[in-house]
Amino acid sequence: MKPKLLVVNDSKMMHKMYEVMLREYPLVYATDGRIALDRLAEHQDIQVMLLDLNMPGMNGVELIERLDRRNGLRILVIAKQGEEADVARAIELGAHAVITLPFHAEELNDAIAQLT
């Protein structure tokens, strides 16, 4: 059985892209860090979070800072060029892996597989 994924991204277009690329996974969506915290509380079985760093409201780094360190939750940062400082901070705070945009579906699936 595929792990449940939480997609945290403020772009509806990115949500659609993940829907296509990750159709074999159960997906839960959030558009900012605050909503992501709510989704994690509602879905205790989420195993991997795909996390955008640059979002309005609570951004990705702030979300990682506020996370309750649940057993087994793995964080895959989805980074853009120019976000190196935020990526470094996310890793320092406990992110497990990083993939940089643009990426192919195979790269994303491989990154998720390595985390689960």
PDB file of N, CA and C in Angstrom:
ATOM      1  N   MET A   1       0.844  -1.195   0.000  1.00  0.00           N
ATOM      2  CA  MET A   1       0.000   0.000   0.000  1.00  0.00           C
ATOM      3  C   MET A   1       0.882   1.249   0.000  1.00  0.00           C
ATOM      4  N   LYS A   2       0.540   2.197  -0.824  1.00  0.00           N
ATOM      5  CA  LYS A   2       1.306   3.431  -0.939  1.00  0.00           C
ATOM      6  C   LYS A   2       1.063   4.322   0.281  1.00  0.00           C
ATOM      7  N   PRO A   3       2.096   5.044   0.724  1.00  0.00           N
ATOM      8  CA  PRO A   3       1.927   5.947   1.862  1.00  0.00           C
ATOM      9  C   PRO A   3       1.060   7.148   1.506  1.00  0.00           C
ATOM     10  N   LYS A   4       0.364   7.680   2.510  1.00  0.00           N
ATOM     11  CA  LYS A   4      -0.438   8.891   2.314  1.00  0.00           C
ATOM     12  C   LYS A   4       0.503  10.090   2.336  1.00  0.00           C
ATOM     13  N   LEU A   5       0.298  11.002   1.376  1.00  0.00           N
ATOM     14  CA  LEU A   5       1.139  12.185   1.229  1.00  0.00           C
ATOM     15  C   LEU A   5       0.345  13.453   1.511  1.00  0.00           C
ATOM     16  N   LEU A   6       0.998  14.406   2.149  1.00  0.00           N
ATOM     17  CA  LEU A   6       0.433  15.742   2.331  1.00  0.00           C
ATOM     18  C   LEU A   6       1.179  16.692   1.410  1.00  0.00           C
ATOM     19  N   VAL A   7       0.457  17.318   0.498  1.00  0.00           N
ATOM     20  CA  VAL A   7       1.012  18.309  -0.424  1.00  0.00           C
ATOM     21  C   VAL A   7       0.726  19.689   0.167  1.00  0.00           C
ATOM     22  N   VAL A   8       1.790  20.422   0.501  1.00  0.00           N
ATOM     23  CA  VAL A   8       1.639  21.758   1.070  1.00  0.00           C
ATOM     24  C   VAL A   8       2.209  22.751   0.068  1.00  0.00           C
ATOM     25  N   ASN A   9       1.300  23.430  -0.643  1.00  0.00           N
ATOM     26  CA  ASN A   9       1.698  24.342  -1.700  1.00  0.00           C
ATOM     27  C   ASN A   9       0.549  25.308  -1.941  1.00  0.00           C
ATOM     28  N   ASP A  10       0.857  26.585  -2.119  1.00  0.00           N
ATOM     29  CA  ASP A  10      -0.197  27.580  -2.327  1.00  0.00           C
ATOM     30  C   ASP A  10      -0.682  27.643  -3.771  1.00  0.00           C
ATOM     31  N   SER A  11      -0.069  26.885  -4.673  1.00  0.00           N
ATOM     32  CA  SER A  11      -0.442  26.904  -6.081  1.00  0.00           C
ATOM     33  C   SER A  11      -1.413  25.767  -6.416  1.00  0.00           C
ATOM     34  N   LYS A  12      -2.604  26.135  -6.863  1.00  0.00           N
ATOM     35  CA  LYS A  12      -3.577  25.123  -7.289  1.00  0.00           C
ATOM     36  C   LYS A  12      -3.057  24.358  -8.506  1.00  0.00           C
ATOM     37  N   MET A  13      -2.273  25.028  -9.360  1.00  0.00           N
ATOM     38  CA  MET A  13      -1.694  24.361 -10.514  1.00  0.00           C
ATOM     39  C   MET A  13      -0.734  23.248 -10.053  1.00  0.00           C
ATOM     40  N   MET A  14       0.039  23.512  -9.018  1.00  0.00           N
ATOM     41  CA  MET A  14       0.949  22.487  -8.491  1.00  0.00           C
ATOM     42  C   MET A  14       0.150  21.326  -7.903  1.00  0.00           C
ATOM     43  N   HIS A  15      -0.965  21.609  -7.258  1.00  0.00           N
ATOM     44  CA  HIS A  15      -1.818  20.540  -6.739  1.00  0.00           C
ATOM     45  C   HIS A  15      -2.254  19.629  -7.882  1.00  0.00           C
ATOM     46  N   LYS A  16      -2.670  20.231  -8.993  1.00  0.00           N
ATOM     47  CA  LYS A  16      -3.097  19.447 -10.163  1.00  0.00           C
ATOM     48  C   LYS A  16      -1.932  18.617 -10.710  1.00  0.00           C
ATOM     49  N   MET A  17      -0.751  19.207 -10.753  1.00  0.00           N
ATOM     50  CA  MET A  17       0.412  18.490 -11.249  1.00  0.00           C
ATOM     51  C   MET A  17       0.712  17.272 -10.359  1.00  0.00           C
ATOM     52  N   TYR A  18       0.653  17.460  -9.043  1.00  0.00           N
ATOM     53  CA  TYR A  18       0.878  16.338  -8.139  1.00  0.00           C
ATOM     54  C   TYR A  18      -0.191  15.265  -8.307  1.00  0.00           C
ATOM     55  N   GLU A  19      -1.429  15.686  -8.528  1.00  0.00           N
ATOM     56  CA  GLU A  19      -2.513  14.732  -8.772  1.00  0.00           C
ATOM     57  C   GLU A  19      -2.180  13.797  -9.927  1.00  0.00           C
ATOM     58  N   VAL A  20      -1.613  14.360 -10.988  1.00  0.00           N
ATOM     59  CA  VAL A  20      -1.256  13.571 -12.167  1.00  0.00           C
ATOM     60  C   VAL A  20      -0.006  12.730 -11.896  1.00  0.00           C
ATOM     61  N   MET A  21       1.033  13.350 -11.347  1.00  0.00           N
ATOM     62  CA  MET A  21       2.306  12.657 -11.137  1.00  0.00           C
ATOM     63  C   MET A  21       2.226  11.563 -10.076  1.00  0.00           C
ATOM     64  N   LEU A  22       1.343  11.765  -9.105  1.00  0.00           N
ATOM     65  CA  LEU A  22       1.287  10.863  -7.953  1.00  0.00           C
ATOM     66  C   LEU A  22      -0.070  10.188  -7.827  1.00  0.00           C
ATOM     67  N   ARG A  23      -0.647   9.830  -8.956  1.00  0.00           N
ATOM     68  CA  ARG A  23      -2.016   9.293  -8.941  1.00  0.00           C
ATOM     69  C   ARG A  23      -2.164   7.998  -8.153  1.00  0.00           C
ATOM     70  N   GLU A  24      -1.086   7.256  -7.952  1.00  0.00           N
ATOM     71  CA  GLU A  24      -1.191   5.993  -7.209  1.00  0.00           C
ATOM     72  C   GLU A  24      -1.109   6.196  -5.690  1.00  0.00           C
ATOM     73  N   TYR A  25      -0.868   7.435  -5.257  1.00  0.00           N
ATOM     74  CA  TYR A  25      -0.781   7.731  -3.823  1.00  0.00           C
ATOM     75  C   TYR A  25      -2.059   8.386  -3.324  1.00  0.00           C
ATOM     76  N   PRO A  26      -2.440   8.105  -2.085  1.00  0.00           N
ATOM     77  CA  PRO A  26      -3.501   8.915  -1.469  1.00  0.00           C
ATOM     78  C   PRO A  26      -2.916  10.283  -1.111  1.00  0.00           C
ATOM     79  N   LEU A  27      -3.588  11.353  -1.548  1.00  0.00           N
ATOM     80  CA  LEU A  27      -3.085  12.711  -1.354  1.00  0.00           C
ATOM     81  C   LEU A  27      -4.039  13.537  -0.510  1.00  0.00           C
ATOM     82  N   VAL A  28      -3.448  14.366   0.346  1.00  0.00           N
ATOM     83  CA  VAL A  28      -4.168  15.363   1.134  1.00  0.00           C
ATOM     84  C   VAL A  28      -3.495  16.692   0.810  1.00  0.00           C
ATOM     85  N   TYR A  29      -4.274  17.769   0.714  1.00  0.00           N
ATOM     86  CA  TYR A  29      -3.735  19.058   0.278  1.00  0.00           C
ATOM     87  C   TYR A  29      -3.888  20.139   1.341  1.00  0.00           C
ATOM     88  N   ALA A  30      -2.911  21.064   1.336  1.00  0.00           N
ATOM     89  CA  ALA A  30      -2.971  22.273   2.150  1.00  0.00           C
ATOM     90  C   ALA A  30      -2.341  23.400   1.351  1.00  0.00           C
ATOM     91  N   THR A  31      -2.844  24.618   1.535  1.00  0.00           N
ATOM     92  CA  THR A  31      -2.334  25.759   0.784  1.00  0.00           C
ATOM     93  C   THR A  31      -1.405  26.655   1.597  1.00  0.00           C
ATOM     94  N   ASP A  32      -1.226  26.358   2.871  1.00  0.00           N
ATOM     95  CA  ASP A  32      -0.227  27.062   3.683  1.00  0.00           C
ATOM     96  C   ASP A  32       0.064  26.229   4.930  1.00  0.00           C
ATOM     97  N   GLY A  33       1.015  26.712   5.718  1.00  0.00           N
ATOM     98  CA  GLY A  33       1.449  25.961   6.884  1.00  0.00           C
ATOM     99  C   GLY A  33       0.374  25.745   7.934  1.00  0.00           C
ATOM    100  N   ARG A  34      -0.472  26.735   8.149  1.00  0.00           N
ATOM    101  CA  ARG A  34      -1.529  26.584   9.161  1.00  0.00           C
ATOM    102  C   ARG A  34      -2.512  25.469   8.776  1.00  0.00           C
ATOM    103  N   ILE A  35      -2.895  25.469   7.518  1.00  0.00           N
ATOM    104  CA  ILE A  35      -3.808  24.421   7.048  1.00  0.00           C
ATOM    105  C   ILE A  35      -3.109  23.066   7.110  1.00  0.00           C
ATOM    106  N   ALA A  36      -1.813  23.044   6.814  1.00  0.00           N
ATOM    107  CA  ALA A  36      -1.051  21.787   6.881  1.00  0.00           C
ATOM    108  C   ALA A  36      -1.081  21.212   8.297  1.00  0.00           C
ATOM    109  N   LEU A  37      -0.940  22.062   9.302  1.00  0.00           N
ATOM    110  CA  LEU A  37      -1.010  21.577  10.690  1.00  0.00           C
ATOM    111  C   LEU A  37      -2.370  20.956  10.970  1.00  0.00           C
ATOM    112  N   ASP A  38      -3.436  21.589  10.463  1.00  0.00           N
ATOM    113  CA  ASP A  38      -4.786  21.033  10.625  1.00  0.00           C
ATOM    114  C   ASP A  38      -4.905  19.677   9.929  1.00  0.00           C
ATOM    115  N   ARG A  39      -4.384  19.584   8.693  1.00  0.00           N
ATOM    116  CA  ARG A  39      -4.464  18.324   7.954  1.00  0.00           C
ATOM    117  C   ARG A  39      -3.682  17.213   8.662  1.00  0.00           C
ATOM    118  N   LEU A  40      -2.530  17.545   9.217  1.00  0.00           N
ATOM    119  CA  LEU A  40      -1.750  16.541   9.965  1.00  0.00           C
ATOM    120  C   LEU A  40      -2.509  16.049  11.189  1.00  0.00           C
ATOM    121  N   ALA A  41      -3.231  16.949  11.845  1.00  0.00           N
ATOM    122  CA  ALA A  41      -4.034  16.552  13.007  1.00  0.00           C
ATOM    123  C   ALA A  41      -5.209  15.668  12.580  1.00  0.00           C
ATOM    124  N   GLU A  42      -5.802  15.963  11.419  1.00  0.00           N
ATOM    125  CA  GLU A  42      -6.945  15.195  10.917  1.00  0.00           C
ATOM    126  C   GLU A  42      -6.535  13.834  10.353  1.00  0.00           C
ATOM    127  N   HIS A  43      -5.342  13.756   9.782  1.00  0.00           N
ATOM    128  CA  HIS A  43      -4.872  12.547   9.094  1.00  0.00           C
ATOM    129  C   HIS A  43      -3.590  12.056   9.763  1.00  0.00           C
ATOM    130  N   GLN A  44      -3.739  11.315  10.834  1.00  0.00           N
ATOM    131  CA  GLN A  44      -2.585  10.825  11.584  1.00  0.00           C
ATOM    132  C   GLN A  44      -1.725   9.848  10.792  1.00  0.00           C
ATOM    133  N   ASP A  45      -2.249   9.337   9.668  1.00  0.00           N
ATOM    134  CA  ASP A  45      -1.527   8.340   8.882  1.00  0.00           C
ATOM    135  C   ASP A  45      -0.706   8.935   7.735  1.00  0.00           C
ATOM    136  N   ILE A  46      -0.586  10.273   7.671  1.00  0.00           N
ATOM    137  CA  ILE A  46       0.265  10.885   6.644  1.00  0.00           C
ATOM    138  C   ILE A  46       1.709  10.509   6.945  1.00  0.00           C
ATOM    139  N   GLN A  47       2.404  10.022   5.915  1.00  0.00           N
ATOM    140  CA  GLN A  47       3.781   9.585   6.104  1.00  0.00           C
ATOM    141  C   GLN A  47       4.811  10.534   5.496  1.00  0.00           C
ATOM    142  N   VAL A  48       4.448  11.211   4.398  1.00  0.00           N
ATOM    143  CA  VAL A  48       5.385  12.109   3.727  1.00  0.00           C
ATOM    144  C   VAL A  48       4.688  13.431   3.431  1.00  0.00           C
ATOM    145  N   MET A  49       5.401  14.530   3.711  1.00  0.00           N
ATOM    146  CA  MET A  49       4.903  15.862   3.390  1.00  0.00           C
ATOM    147  C   MET A  49       5.769  16.446   2.275  1.00  0.00           C
ATOM    148  N   LEU A  50       5.118  16.841   1.170  1.00  0.00           N
ATOM    149  CA  LEU A  50       5.794  17.539   0.079  1.00  0.00           C
ATOM    150  C   LEU A  50       5.609  19.030   0.348  1.00  0.00           C
ATOM    151  N   LEU A  51       6.687  19.705   0.668  1.00  0.00           N
ATOM    152  CA  LEU A  51       6.582  21.046   1.246  1.00  0.00           C
ATOM    153  C   LEU A  51       7.204  22.127   0.379  1.00  0.00           C
ATOM    154  N   ASP A  52       6.368  23.057  -0.060  1.00  0.00           N
ATOM    155  CA  ASP A  52       6.809  24.286  -0.705  1.00  0.00           C
ATOM    156  C   ASP A  52       7.302  25.212   0.403  1.00  0.00           C
ATOM    157  N   LEU A  53       8.380  25.942   0.167  1.00  0.00           N
ATOM    158  CA  LEU A  53       8.912  26.827   1.199  1.00  0.00           C
ATOM    159  C   LEU A  53       8.318  28.221   1.151  1.00  0.00           C
ATOM    160  N   ASN A  54       7.962  28.701  -0.029  1.00  0.00           N
ATOM    161  CA  ASN A  54       7.522  30.076  -0.206  1.00  0.00           C
ATOM    162  C   ASN A  54       6.009  30.127  -0.361  1.00  0.00           C
ATOM    163  N   MET A  55       5.329  30.388   0.755  1.00  0.00           N
ATOM    164  CA  MET A  55       3.866  30.471   0.754  1.00  0.00           C
ATOM    165  C   MET A  55       3.440  31.648   1.615  1.00  0.00           C
ATOM    166  N   PRO A  56       2.275  32.244   1.307  1.00  0.00           N
ATOM    167  CA  PRO A  56       1.750  33.301   2.185  1.00  0.00           C
ATOM    168  C   PRO A  56       1.281  32.688   3.503  1.00  0.00           C
ATOM    169  N   GLY A  57       1.060  33.530   4.468  1.00  0.00           N
ATOM    170  CA  GLY A  57       0.645  33.016   5.775  1.00  0.00           C
ATOM    171  C   GLY A  57       1.843  32.384   6.444  1.00  0.00           C
ATOM    172  N   MET A  58       1.740  31.118   6.785  1.00  0.00           N
ATOM    173  CA  MET A  58       2.847  30.384   7.392  1.00  0.00           C
ATOM    174  C   MET A  58       3.630  29.677   6.286  1.00  0.00           C
ATOM    175  N   ASN A  59       4.892  30.065   6.106  1.00  0.00           N
ATOM    176  CA  ASN A  59       5.690  29.447   5.049  1.00  0.00           C
ATOM    177  C   ASN A  59       6.243  28.089   5.484  1.00  0.00           C
ATOM    178  N   GLY A  60       6.975  27.441   4.585  1.00  0.00           N
ATOM    179  CA  GLY A  60       7.464  26.092   4.849  1.00  0.00           C
ATOM    180  C   GLY A  60       8.422  25.996   6.014  1.00  0.00           C
ATOM    181  N   VAL A  61       9.345  26.950   6.132  1.00  0.00           N
ATOM    182  CA  VAL A  61      10.298  26.928   7.240  1.00  0.00           C
ATOM    183  C   VAL A  61       9.563  27.118   8.561  1.00  0.00           C
ATOM    184  N   GLU A  62       8.625  28.051   8.603  1.00  0.00           N
ATOM    185  CA  GLU A  62       7.833  28.264   9.821  1.00  0.00           C
ATOM    186  C   GLU A  62       7.036  27.015  10.180  1.00  0.00           C
ATOM    187  N   LEU A  63       6.516  26.327   9.180  1.00  0.00           N
ATOM    188  CA  LEU A  63       5.771  25.091   9.436  1.00  0.00           C
ATOM    189  C   LEU A  63       6.678  24.050  10.086  1.00  0.00           C
ATOM    190  N   ILE A  64       7.863  23.856   9.535  1.00  0.00           N
ATOM    191  CA  ILE A  64       8.783  22.871  10.120  1.00  0.00           C
ATOM    192  C   ILE A  64       9.101  23.243  11.564  1.00  0.00           C
ATOM    193  N   GLU A  65       9.278  24.526  11.841  1.00  0.00           N
ATOM    194  CA  GLU A  65       9.567  24.986  13.213  1.00  0.00           C
ATOM    195  C   GLU A  65       8.441  24.631  14.175  1.00  0.00           C
ATOM    196  N   ARG A  66       7.206  24.630  13.683  1.00  0.00           N
ATOM    197  CA  ARG A  66       6.040  24.399  14.549  1.00  0.00           C
ATOM    198  C   ARG A  66       5.560  22.953  14.581  1.00  0.00           C
ATOM    199  N   LEU A  67       6.179  22.103  13.787  1.00  0.00           N
ATOM    200  CA  LEU A  67       5.707  20.720  13.706  1.00  0.00           C
ATOM    201  C   LEU A  67       5.897  19.977  15.018  1.00  0.00           C
ATOM    202  N   ASP A  68       4.880  19.246  15.377  1.00  0.00           N
ATOM    203  CA  ASP A  68       4.990  18.269  16.444  1.00  0.00           C
ATOM    204  C   ASP A  68       5.743  17.096  15.825  1.00  0.00           C
ATOM    205  N   ARG A  69       6.852  16.733  16.370  1.00  0.00           N
ATOM    206  CA  ARG A  69       7.706  15.692  15.772  1.00  0.00           C
ATOM    207  C   ARG A  69       7.069  14.316  15.866  1.00  0.00           C
ATOM    208  N   ARG A  70       6.134  14.085  14.936  1.00  0.00           N
ATOM    209  CA  ARG A  70       5.442  12.796  14.884  1.00  0.00           C
ATOM    210  C   ARG A  70       6.390  11.718  14.383  1.00  0.00           C
ATOM    211  N   ASN A  71       6.245  10.544  14.938  1.00  0.00           N
ATOM    212  CA  ASN A  71       7.044   9.414  14.467  1.00  0.00           C
ATOM    213  C   ASN A  71       6.711   9.120  13.020  1.00  0.00           C
ATOM    214  N   GLY A  72       7.744   9.001  12.218  1.00  0.00           N
ATOM    215  CA  GLY A  72       7.561   8.550  10.853  1.00  0.00           C
ATOM    216  C   GLY A  72       7.250   9.619   9.823  1.00  0.00           C
ATOM    217  N   LEU A  73       6.908  10.851  10.209  1.00  0.00           N
ATOM    218  CA  LEU A  73       6.620  11.877   9.216  1.00  0.00           C
ATOM    219  C   LEU A  73       7.926  12.291   8.548  1.00  0.00           C
ATOM    220  N   ARG A  74       7.966  12.161   7.230  1.00  0.00           N
ATOM    221  CA  ARG A  74       9.147  12.523   6.452  1.00  0.00           C
ATOM    222  C   ARG A  74       8.823  13.783   5.652  1.00  0.00           C
ATOM    223  N   ILE A  75       9.787  14.692   5.569  1.00  0.00           N
ATOM    224  CA  ILE A  75       9.577  15.967   4.892  1.00  0.00           C
ATOM    225  C   ILE A  75      10.446  16.036   3.645  1.00  0.00           C
ATOM    226  N   LEU A  76       9.783  16.201   2.502  1.00  0.00           N
ATOM    227  CA  LEU A  76      10.454  16.391   1.226  1.00  0.00           C
ATOM    228  C   LEU A  76      10.211  17.831   0.795  1.00  0.00           C
ATOM    229  N   VAL A  77      11.262  18.635   0.826  1.00  0.00           N
ATOM    230  CA  VAL A  77      11.165  20.041   0.434  1.00  0.00           C
ATOM    231  C   VAL A  77      11.182  20.128  -1.089  1.00  0.00           C
ATOM    232  N   ILE A  78      10.229  20.885  -1.629  1.00  0.00           N
ATOM    233  CA  ILE A  78      10.174  21.169  -3.062  1.00  0.00           C
ATOM    234  C   ILE A  78      10.668  22.598  -3.225  1.00  0.00           C
ATOM    235  N   ALA A  79      11.906  22.743  -3.728  1.00  0.00           N
ATOM    236  CA  ALA A  79      12.567  24.049  -3.752  1.00  0.00           C
ATOM    237  C   ALA A  79      12.634  24.632  -5.158  1.00  0.00           C
ATOM    238  N   LYS A  80      12.700  25.947  -5.199  1.00  0.00           N
ATOM    239  CA  LYS A  80      12.924  26.678  -6.442  1.00  0.00           C
ATOM    240  C   LYS A  80      14.358  27.200  -6.421  1.00  0.00           C
ATOM    241  N   GLN A  81      14.893  27.506  -7.594  1.00  0.00           N
ATOM    242  CA  GLN A  81      16.198  28.151  -7.669  1.00  0.00           C
ATOM    243  C   GLN A  81      16.152  29.435  -6.843  1.00  0.00           C
ATOM    244  N   GLY A  82      17.210  29.718  -6.107  1.00  0.00           N
ATOM    245  CA  GLY A  82      17.269  30.933  -5.310  1.00  0.00           C
ATOM    246  C   GLY A  82      16.792  30.770  -3.884  1.00  0.00           C
ATOM    247  N   GLU A  83      16.345  29.583  -3.513  1.00  0.00           N
ATOM    248  CA  GLU A  83      15.853  29.363  -2.144  1.00  0.00           C
ATOM    249  C   GLU A  83      16.880  28.634  -1.272  1.00  0.00           C
ATOM    250  N   GLU A  84      18.157  28.724  -1.632  1.00  0.00           N
ATOM    251  CA  GLU A  84      19.187  27.950  -0.938  1.00  0.00           C
ATOM    252  C   GLU A  84      19.222  28.214   0.569  1.00  0.00           C
ATOM    253  N   ALA A  85      19.080  29.463   0.984  1.00  0.00           N
ATOM    254  CA  ALA A  85      19.123  29.777   2.422  1.00  0.00           C
ATOM    255  C   ALA A  85      17.947  29.119   3.148  1.00  0.00           C
ATOM    256  N   ASP A  86      16.759  29.186   2.560  1.00  0.00           N
ATOM    257  CA  ASP A  86      15.584  28.555   3.174  1.00  0.00           C
ATOM    258  C   ASP A  86      15.716  27.034   3.175  1.00  0.00           C
ATOM    259  N   VAL A  87      16.286  26.471   2.112  1.00  0.00           N
ATOM    260  CA  VAL A  87      16.499  25.022   2.060  1.00  0.00           C
ATOM    261  C   VAL A  87      17.454  24.599   3.157  1.00  0.00           C
ATOM    262  N   ALA A  88      18.543  25.327   3.325  1.00  0.00           N
ATOM    263  CA  ALA A  88      19.514  25.006   4.377  1.00  0.00           C
ATOM    264  C   ALA A  88      18.856  25.059   5.751  1.00  0.00           C
ATOM    265  N   ARG A  89      18.029  26.064   5.983  1.00  0.00           N
ATOM    266  CA  ARG A  89      17.324  26.185   7.273  1.00  0.00           C
ATOM    267  C   ARG A  89      16.343  25.032   7.450  1.00  0.00           C
ATOM    268  N   ALA A  90      15.622  24.655   6.397  1.00  0.00           N
ATOM    269  CA  ALA A  90      14.666  23.548   6.472  1.00  0.00           C
ATOM    270  C   ALA A  90      15.380  22.245   6.836  1.00  0.00           C
ATOM    271  N   ILE A  91      16.528  22.007   6.237  1.00  0.00           N
ATOM    272  CA  ILE A  91      17.294  20.794   6.549  1.00  0.00           C
ATOM    273  C   ILE A  91      17.798  20.839   7.986  1.00  0.00           C
ATOM    274  N   GLU A  92      18.276  21.992   8.390  1.00  0.00           N
ATOM    275  CA  GLU A  92      18.730  22.174   9.777  1.00  0.00           C
ATOM    276  C   GLU A  92      17.606  21.865  10.770  1.00  0.00           C
ATOM    277  N   LEU A  93      16.379  22.224  10.405  1.00  0.00           N
ATOM    278  CA  LEU A  93      15.217  22.009  11.270  1.00  0.00           C
ATOM    279  C   LEU A  93      14.644  20.596  11.182  1.00  0.00           C
ATOM    280  N   GLY A  94      15.116  19.790  10.236  1.00  0.00           N
ATOM    281  CA  GLY A  94      14.650  18.409  10.197  1.00  0.00           C
ATOM    282  C   GLY A  94      14.075  17.899   8.898  1.00  0.00           C
ATOM    283  N   ALA A  95      14.103  18.694   7.818  1.00  0.00           N
ATOM    284  CA  ALA A  95      13.650  18.168   6.526  1.00  0.00           C
ATOM    285  C   ALA A  95      14.566  17.021   6.124  1.00  0.00           C
ATOM    286  N   HIS A  96      13.997  16.021   5.485  1.00  0.00           N
ATOM    287  CA  HIS A  96      14.734  14.798   5.173  1.00  0.00           C
ATOM    288  C   HIS A  96      15.332  14.764   3.775  1.00  0.00           C
ATOM    289  N   ALA A  97      14.745  15.489   2.833  1.00  0.00           N
ATOM    290  CA  ALA A  97      15.226  15.468   1.457  1.00  0.00           C
ATOM    291  C   ALA A  97      14.752  16.725   0.743  1.00  0.00           C
ATOM    292  N   VAL A  98      15.423  17.020  -0.372  1.00  0.00           N
ATOM    293  CA  VAL A  98      15.092  18.201  -1.178  1.00  0.00           C
ATOM    294  C   VAL A  98      15.074  17.789  -2.640  1.00  0.00           C
ATOM    295  N   ILE A  99      14.099  18.294  -3.371  1.00  0.00           N
ATOM    296  CA  ILE A  99      14.058  18.149  -4.824  1.00  0.00           C
ATOM    297  C   ILE A  99      13.808  19.548  -5.373  1.00  0.00           C
ATOM    298  N   THR A 100      14.497  19.880  -6.464  1.00  0.00           N
ATOM    299  CA  THR A 100      14.433  21.232  -7.012  1.00  0.00           C
ATOM    300  C   THR A 100      13.592  21.257  -8.282  1.00  0.00           C
ATOM    301  N   LEU A 101      12.738  22.263  -8.372  1.00  0.00           N
ATOM    302  CA  LEU A 101      11.947  22.495  -9.577  1.00  0.00           C
ATOM    303  C   LEU A 101      12.852  22.997 -10.688  1.00  0.00           C
ATOM    304  N   PRO A 102      12.629  22.646 -11.918  1.00  0.00           N
ATOM    305  CA  PRO A 102      11.637  21.674 -12.378  1.00  0.00           C
ATOM    306  C   PRO A 102      12.155  20.250 -12.188  1.00  0.00           C
ATOM    307  N   PHE A 103      11.234  19.304 -12.029  1.00  0.00           N
ATOM    308  CA  PHE A 103      11.609  17.901 -11.884  1.00  0.00           C
ATOM    309  C   PHE A 103      10.661  17.051 -12.708  1.00  0.00           C
ATOM    310  N   HIS A 104      11.073  15.813 -12.945  1.00  0.00           N
ATOM    311  CA  HIS A 104      10.244  14.856 -13.676  1.00  0.00           C
ATOM    312  C   HIS A 104       9.523  13.965 -12.673  1.00  0.00           C
ATOM    313  N   ALA A 105       8.438  13.360 -13.107  1.00  0.00           N
ATOM    314  CA  ALA A 105       7.651  12.476 -12.240  1.00  0.00           C
ATOM    315  C   ALA A 105       8.516  11.365 -11.652  1.00  0.00           C
ATOM    316  N   GLU A 106       9.443  10.826 -12.452  1.00  0.00           N
ATOM    317  CA  GLU A 106      10.302   9.740 -11.963  1.00  0.00           C
ATOM    318  C   GLU A 106      11.168  10.203 -10.799  1.00  0.00           C
ATOM    319  N   GLU A 107      11.708  11.435 -10.899  1.00  0.00           N
ATOM    320  CA  GLU A 107      12.534  11.976  -9.821  1.00  0.00           C
ATOM    321  C   GLU A 107      11.719  12.119  -8.536  1.00  0.00           C
ATOM    322  N   LEU A 108      10.504  12.622  -8.671  1.00  0.00           N
ATOM    323  CA  LEU A 108       9.632  12.803  -7.511  1.00  0.00           C
ATOM    324  C   LEU A 108       9.284  11.459  -6.890  1.00  0.00           C
ATOM    325  N   ASN A 109       8.888  10.507  -7.722  1.00  0.00           N
ATOM    326  CA  ASN A 109       8.544   9.183  -7.201  1.00  0.00           C
ATOM    327  C   ASN A 109       9.741   8.508  -6.534  1.00  0.00           C
ATOM    328  N   ASP A 110      10.930   8.664  -7.116  1.00  0.00           N
ATOM    329  CA  ASP A 110      12.134   8.095  -6.513  1.00  0.00           C
ATOM    330  C   ASP A 110      12.424   8.728  -5.148  1.00  0.00           C
ATOM    331  N   ALA A 111      12.281  10.038  -5.066  1.00  0.00           N
ATOM    332  CA  ALA A 111      12.528  10.739  -3.793  1.00  0.00           C
ATOM    333  C   ALA A 111      11.559  10.258  -2.719  1.00  0.00           C
ATOM    334  N   ILE A 112      10.293  10.103  -3.083  1.00  0.00           N
ATOM    335  CA  ILE A 112       9.297   9.614  -2.122  1.00  0.00           C
ATOM    336  C   ILE A 112       9.618   8.187  -1.710  1.00  0.00           C
ATOM    337  N   ALA A 113       9.960   7.353  -2.665  1.00  0.00           N
ATOM    338  CA  ALA A 113      10.287   5.950  -2.361  1.00  0.00           C
ATOM    339  C   ALA A 113      11.456   5.850  -1.398  1.00  0.00           C
ATOM    340  N   GLN A 114      12.443   6.713  -1.554  1.00  0.00           N
ATOM    341  CA  GLN A 114      13.600   6.680  -0.660  1.00  0.00           C
ATOM    342  C   GLN A 114      13.247   7.102   0.764  1.00  0.00           C
ATOM    343  N   LEU A 115      12.175   7.865   0.919  1.00  0.00           N
ATOM    344  CA  LEU A 115      11.764   8.323   2.252  1.00  0.00           C
ATOM    345  C   LEU A 115      10.861   7.330   2.970  1.00  0.00           C
ATOM    346  N   THR A 116      10.280   6.390   2.241  1.00  0.00           N
ATOM    347  CA  THR A 116       9.312   5.476   2.874  1.00  0.00           C
ATOM    348  C   THR A 116       9.876   4.069   3.004  1.00  0.00           C
TER     349      THR A 116
END
